[in-house]
């Protein structure tokens, strides 16, 4: 029974780890793009959006 469950559990954990890594990578790419956008403009609205996004990532 354990021999049948081990590959299933292993595959599930691997999928979850890869999904989490992909999510972190996507968050970092979005953060880089937002920072470049904020640096290219002079308004304060995008500054607030960047701050809110940075706070949400820090959680």
N, C-alpha and C. Protein backbone atom coordinates (compact mmCIF):
# COMPACT_ATOMS: atom_id res chain seq x y z
N UNK A 1 0.82 -1.20 0.00
CA UNK A 1 0.00 0.00 0.00
C UNK A 1 0.87 1.26 0.00
N UNK A 2 1.91 1.26 0.84
CA UNK A 2 2.80 2.42 0.89
C UNK A 2 3.52 2.58 -0.44
N UNK A 3 3.86 1.47 -1.07
CA UNK A 3 4.52 1.52 -2.37
C UNK A 3 3.67 2.18 -3.44
N UNK A 4 2.36 2.09 -3.29
CA UNK A 4 1.45 2.73 -4.25
C UNK A 4 1.27 4.21 -3.97
N UNK A 5 1.30 4.58 -2.70
CA UNK A 5 1.06 5.97 -2.33
C UNK A 5 2.30 6.85 -2.47
N UNK A 6 3.48 6.29 -2.29
CA UNK A 6 4.71 7.09 -2.32
C UNK A 6 4.89 7.86 -3.63
N UNK A 7 4.74 7.24 -4.80
CA UNK A 7 4.89 8.01 -6.05
C UNK A 7 3.82 9.10 -6.20
N UNK A 8 2.63 8.81 -5.74
CA UNK A 8 1.55 9.79 -5.82
C UNK A 8 1.85 11.00 -4.94
N UNK A 9 2.26 10.74 -3.71
CA UNK A 9 2.60 11.83 -2.80
C UNK A 9 3.81 12.60 -3.33
N UNK A 10 4.80 11.89 -3.83
CA UNK A 10 5.99 12.55 -4.38
C UNK A 10 5.65 13.45 -5.55
N UNK A 11 4.81 12.98 -6.44
CA UNK A 11 4.41 13.79 -7.60
C UNK A 11 3.61 15.01 -7.17
N UNK A 12 2.76 14.85 -6.17
CA UNK A 12 1.96 15.97 -5.68
C UNK A 12 2.85 17.04 -5.06
N UNK A 13 3.79 16.62 -4.24
CA UNK A 13 4.71 17.58 -3.61
C UNK A 13 5.56 18.28 -4.66
N UNK A 14 6.03 17.56 -5.65
CA UNK A 14 6.83 18.15 -6.72
C UNK A 14 6.02 19.20 -7.48
N UNK A 15 4.78 18.88 -7.80
CA UNK A 15 3.92 19.82 -8.51
C UNK A 15 3.68 21.07 -7.69
N UNK A 16 3.44 20.90 -6.40
CA UNK A 16 3.20 22.05 -5.53
C UNK A 16 4.44 22.93 -5.44
N UNK A 17 5.62 22.34 -5.33
CA UNK A 17 6.87 23.10 -5.25
C UNK A 17 7.10 23.89 -6.54
N UNK A 18 6.90 23.25 -7.67
CA UNK A 18 7.10 23.93 -8.95
C UNK A 18 6.11 25.07 -9.13
N UNK A 19 4.89 24.85 -8.69
CA UNK A 19 3.87 25.88 -8.78
C UNK A 19 4.24 27.08 -7.92
N UNK A 20 4.73 26.82 -6.72
CA UNK A 20 5.11 27.90 -5.81
C UNK A 20 6.30 28.67 -6.38
N UNK A 21 7.28 27.97 -6.96
CA UNK A 21 8.43 28.65 -7.56
C UNK A 21 8.01 29.51 -8.74
N UNK A 22 7.10 29.02 -9.55
CA UNK A 22 6.61 29.78 -10.69
C UNK A 22 5.88 31.03 -10.23
N UNK A 23 5.12 30.90 -9.15
CA UNK A 23 4.39 32.05 -8.62
C UNK A 23 5.35 33.11 -8.11
N UNK A 24 6.38 32.69 -7.39
CA UNK A 24 7.37 33.64 -6.86
C UNK A 24 8.10 34.35 -8.01
N UNK A 25 8.45 33.60 -9.03
CA UNK A 25 9.13 34.18 -10.18
C UNK A 25 8.24 35.21 -10.87
N UNK A 26 6.98 34.89 -11.06
CA UNK A 26 6.04 35.81 -11.69
C UNK A 26 5.88 37.07 -10.85
N UNK A 27 5.81 36.93 -9.53
CA UNK A 27 5.70 38.10 -8.66
C UNK A 27 6.92 39.00 -8.79
N UNK A 28 8.09 38.42 -8.88
CA UNK A 28 9.31 39.22 -9.02
C UNK A 28 9.36 39.94 -10.36
N UNK A 29 8.92 39.28 -11.42
CA UNK A 29 8.89 39.92 -12.74
C UNK A 29 7.92 41.09 -12.74
N UNK A 30 6.75 40.91 -12.15
CA UNK A 30 5.77 41.99 -12.06
C UNK A 30 6.33 43.15 -11.25
N UNK A 31 7.02 42.83 -10.16
CA UNK A 31 7.62 43.87 -9.32
C UNK A 31 8.66 44.67 -10.10
N UNK A 32 9.49 44.01 -10.86
CA UNK A 32 10.50 44.70 -11.68
C UNK A 32 9.83 45.62 -12.70
N UNK A 33 8.80 45.11 -13.36
CA UNK A 33 8.10 45.92 -14.36
C UNK A 33 7.41 47.12 -13.73
N UNK A 34 6.79 46.92 -12.56
CA UNK A 34 6.14 48.04 -11.87
C UNK A 34 7.15 49.10 -11.46
N UNK A 35 8.29 48.67 -10.96
CA UNK A 35 9.32 49.64 -10.56
C UNK A 35 9.79 50.47 -11.75
N UNK A 36 9.98 49.83 -12.89
CA UNK A 36 10.40 50.57 -14.09
C UNK A 36 9.32 51.55 -14.53
N UNK A 37 8.08 51.14 -14.44
CA UNK A 37 6.98 52.04 -14.80
C UNK A 37 6.95 53.24 -13.86
N UNK A 38 7.09 52.99 -12.57
CA UNK A 38 7.06 54.07 -11.59
C UNK A 38 8.20 55.05 -11.83
N UNK A 39 9.36 54.54 -12.15
CA UNK A 39 10.52 55.41 -12.41
C UNK A 39 10.33 56.25 -13.68
N UNK A 40 9.52 55.77 -14.61
CA UNK A 40 9.36 56.49 -15.88
C UNK A 40 8.27 57.55 -15.84
N UNK A 41 7.49 57.59 -14.78
CA UNK A 41 6.42 58.59 -14.68
C UNK A 41 6.63 59.47 -13.47
N UNK A 42 5.88 60.57 -13.43
CA UNK A 42 6.02 61.50 -12.32
C UNK A 42 4.77 61.58 -11.46
N UNK A 43 3.75 60.81 -11.78
CA UNK A 43 2.54 60.88 -10.96
C UNK A 43 2.70 60.02 -9.71
N UNK A 44 1.79 60.22 -8.76
CA UNK A 44 1.90 59.52 -7.48
C UNK A 44 1.00 58.30 -7.38
N UNK A 45 0.11 58.15 -8.33
CA UNK A 45 -0.82 57.02 -8.28
C UNK A 45 -0.07 55.71 -8.43
N UNK A 46 0.82 55.65 -9.40
CA UNK A 46 1.55 54.40 -9.59
C UNK A 46 2.53 54.13 -8.44
N UNK A 47 2.99 55.20 -7.77
CA UNK A 47 3.83 55.00 -6.58
C UNK A 47 3.05 54.25 -5.50
N UNK A 48 1.80 54.64 -5.33
CA UNK A 48 0.95 53.99 -4.32
C UNK A 48 0.64 52.55 -4.71
N UNK A 49 0.45 52.31 -5.99
CA UNK A 49 0.19 50.94 -6.45
C UNK A 49 1.41 50.07 -6.19
N UNK A 50 2.60 50.60 -6.46
CA UNK A 50 3.83 49.85 -6.20
C UNK A 50 3.98 49.55 -4.71
N UNK A 51 3.72 50.52 -3.88
CA UNK A 51 3.82 50.31 -2.43
C UNK A 51 2.85 49.23 -1.97
N UNK A 52 1.63 49.27 -2.47
CA UNK A 52 0.63 48.27 -2.09
C UNK A 52 1.04 46.88 -2.56
N UNK A 53 1.59 46.80 -3.76
CA UNK A 53 2.03 45.50 -4.28
C UNK A 53 3.20 44.96 -3.47
N UNK A 54 4.14 45.83 -3.11
CA UNK A 54 5.27 45.39 -2.30
C UNK A 54 4.81 44.89 -0.93
N UNK A 55 3.81 45.56 -0.35
CA UNK A 55 3.27 45.11 0.94
C UNK A 55 2.59 43.76 0.80
N UNK A 56 1.87 43.56 -0.29
CA UNK A 56 1.16 42.29 -0.48
C UNK A 56 2.13 41.13 -0.70
N UNK A 57 3.26 41.39 -1.33
CA UNK A 57 4.27 40.35 -1.54
C UNK A 57 4.98 40.01 -0.23
N UNK A 58 5.19 41.02 0.60
CA UNK A 58 5.93 40.82 1.85
C UNK A 58 5.20 39.91 2.83
N UNK A 59 3.92 39.74 2.66
CA UNK A 59 3.14 38.91 3.60
C UNK A 59 3.53 37.47 3.53
